[in-house]
Amino acid sequence: SVEKPTYVRFLVSNSAAGSVIGKGGSTITDFQSQSGARIQLSRNNEFFPGTTDRIIMVSGAINEILRAVELVLSKLLSEVIA
């Protein structure tokens, strides 16, 4: 039985989105290769309706998504503490 792809979406501020993307997309590319999941962000001026937050969508197998979300959240946490 082939596992169906799973999707997780969550909202982040515009500045947080920038730290997840990284310079020239380096951070997001690194997170995708480490996790095996696909990580997509809404464009710079595309916000979740009624907010000024951007959407991060993570897709893949459950274990890939869990790893990617862990990487993203730890990056965001390090930005808050720094």
C-alpha atoms as a PDB file:
ATOM      1  CA  SER A   1       0.000   0.000   0.000  1.00  0.00           C
ATOM      2  CA  VAL A   2       1.396   3.350  -1.088  1.00  0.00           C
ATOM      3  CA  GLU A   3       1.176   6.115   1.486  1.00  0.00           C
ATOM      4  CA  LYS A   4      -0.911   9.039   0.283  1.00  0.00           C
ATOM      5  CA  PRO A   5       0.798  12.419   0.418  1.00  0.00           C
ATOM      6  CA  THR A   6      -0.123  14.472   3.461  1.00  0.00           C
ATOM      7  CA  TYR A   7      -0.254  18.258   3.688  1.00  0.00           C
ATOM      8  CA  VAL A   8       0.301  20.567   6.643  1.00  0.00           C
ATOM      9  CA  ARG A   9      -0.225  24.305   6.404  1.00  0.00           C
ATOM     10  CA  PHE A  10       0.593  26.925   8.979  1.00  0.00           C
ATOM     11  CA  LEU A  11       0.880  30.692   9.097  1.00  0.00           C
ATOM     12  CA  VAL A  12       3.985  32.759   9.780  1.00  0.00           C
ATOM     13  CA  SER A  13       4.762  36.460   9.770  1.00  0.00           C
ATOM     14  CA  ASN A  14       6.467  37.914   6.714  1.00  0.00           C
ATOM     15  CA  SER A  15       9.794  38.254   8.560  1.00  0.00           C
ATOM     16  CA  ALA A  16       9.570  34.662   9.817  1.00  0.00           C
ATOM     17  CA  ALA A  17       8.916  33.520   6.246  1.00  0.00           C
ATOM     18  CA  GLY A  18      12.107  35.266   5.188  1.00  0.00           C
ATOM     19  CA  SER A  19      14.160  33.395   7.776  1.00  0.00           C
ATOM     20  CA  VAL A  20      12.651  30.069   6.657  1.00  0.00           C
ATOM     21  CA  ILE A  21      13.506  30.818   3.015  1.00  0.00           C
ATOM     22  CA  GLY A  22      17.051  31.977   3.816  1.00  0.00           C
ATOM     23  CA  LYS A  23      19.433  33.897   1.607  1.00  0.00           C
ATOM     24  CA  GLY A  24      18.749  32.921  -2.000  1.00  0.00           C
ATOM     25  CA  GLY A  25      16.486  30.091  -0.814  1.00  0.00           C
ATOM     26  CA  SER A  26      19.362  28.264   0.885  1.00  0.00           C
ATOM     27  CA  THR A  27      17.570  27.449   4.151  1.00  0.00           C
ATOM     28  CA  ILE A  28      14.385  26.107   2.577  1.00  0.00           C
ATOM     29  CA  THR A  29      16.417  24.030   0.100  1.00  0.00           C
ATOM     30  CA  ASP A  30      18.459  22.598   2.969  1.00  0.00           C
ATOM     31  CA  PHE A  31      15.308  21.755   4.971  1.00  0.00           C
ATOM     32  CA  GLN A  32      13.753  20.023   1.953  1.00  0.00           C
ATOM     33  CA  SER A  33      16.836  17.891   1.342  1.00  0.00           C
ATOM     34  CA  GLN A  34      17.160  16.975   5.044  1.00  0.00           C
ATOM     35  CA  SER A  35      13.500  16.014   5.417  1.00  0.00           C
ATOM     36  CA  GLY A  36      12.480  14.743   1.990  1.00  0.00           C
ATOM     37  CA  ALA A  37       9.305  16.863   2.250  1.00  0.00           C
ATOM     38  CA  ARG A  38       8.323  19.660  -0.090  1.00  0.00           C
ATOM     39  CA  ILE A  39       8.105  23.084   1.567  1.00  0.00           C
ATOM     40  CA  GLN A  40       6.275  25.898  -0.206  1.00  0.00           C
ATOM     41  CA  LEU A  41       5.580  29.452   0.903  1.00  0.00           C
ATOM     42  CA  SER A  42       2.988  31.871  -0.384  1.00  0.00           C
ATOM     43  CA  ARG A  43       4.437  34.802  -2.307  1.00  0.00           C
ATOM     44  CA  ASN A  44       5.637  37.948  -0.582  1.00  0.00           C
ATOM     45  CA  ASN A  45       2.310  39.781  -1.015  1.00  0.00           C
ATOM     46  CA  GLU A  46      -0.005  36.748  -0.766  1.00  0.00           C
ATOM     47  CA  PHE A  47      -1.405  36.565   2.751  1.00  0.00           C
ATOM     48  CA  PHE A  48      -3.903  34.258   4.398  1.00  0.00           C
ATOM     49  CA  PRO A  49      -7.292  36.004   4.138  1.00  0.00           C
ATOM     50  CA  GLY A  50      -7.882  38.486   6.940  1.00  0.00           C
ATOM     51  CA  THR A  51      -4.254  38.388   8.142  1.00  0.00           C
ATOM     52  CA  THR A  52      -0.820  39.686   7.235  1.00  0.00           C
ATOM     53  CA  ASP A  53       0.605  36.164   7.590  1.00  0.00           C
ATOM     54  CA  ARG A  54       2.120  34.039   4.853  1.00  0.00           C
ATOM     55  CA  ILE A  55       1.292  30.367   4.393  1.00  0.00           C
ATOM     56  CA  ILE A  56       3.859  27.595   4.670  1.00  0.00           C
ATOM     57  CA  MET A  57       2.694  24.330   3.121  1.00  0.00           C
ATOM     58  CA  VAL A  58       4.635  21.152   3.824  1.00  0.00           C
ATOM     59  CA  SER A  59       3.819  18.035   1.820  1.00  0.00           C
ATOM     60  CA  GLY A  60       5.086  14.474   1.695  1.00  0.00           C
ATOM     61  CA  ALA A  61       4.970  11.328   3.776  1.00  0.00           C
ATOM     62  CA  ILE A  62       4.084  11.753   7.445  1.00  0.00           C
ATOM     63  CA  ASN A  63       7.644  11.173   8.694  1.00  0.00           C
ATOM     64  CA  GLU A  64       9.019  13.639   6.104  1.00  0.00           C
ATOM     65  CA  ILE A  65       6.489  16.282   7.149  1.00  0.00           C
ATOM     66  CA  LEU A  66       7.256  15.806  10.834  1.00  0.00           C
ATOM     67  CA  ARG A  67      10.969  16.271  10.169  1.00  0.00           C
ATOM     68  CA  ALA A  68      10.387  19.364   7.999  1.00  0.00           C
ATOM     69  CA  VAL A  69       8.052  20.980  10.546  1.00  0.00           C
ATOM     70  CA  GLU A  70      10.614  20.267  13.276  1.00  0.00           C
ATOM     71  CA  LEU A  71      13.336  21.991  11.212  1.00  0.00           C
ATOM     72  CA  VAL A  72      11.139  25.001  10.434  1.00  0.00           C
ATOM     73  CA  LEU A  73       9.940  25.428  14.017  1.00  0.00           C
ATOM     74  CA  SER A  74      13.440  25.105  15.479  1.00  0.00           C
ATOM     75  CA  LYS A  75      14.646  27.756  13.002  1.00  0.00           C
ATOM     76  CA  LEU A  76      11.800  30.094  14.012  1.00  0.00           C
ATOM     77  CA  LEU A  77      12.465  29.445  17.707  1.00  0.00           C
ATOM     78  CA  SER A  78      16.167  30.270  17.289  1.00  0.00           C
ATOM     79  CA  GLU A  79      15.177  33.580  15.628  1.00  0.00           C
ATOM     80  CA  VAL A  80      12.915  34.490  18.596  1.00  0.00           C
ATOM     81  CA  ILE A  81      15.594  33.669  21.180  1.00  0.00           C
ATOM     82  CA  ALA A  82      18.428  35.396  19.284  1.00  0.00           C
END
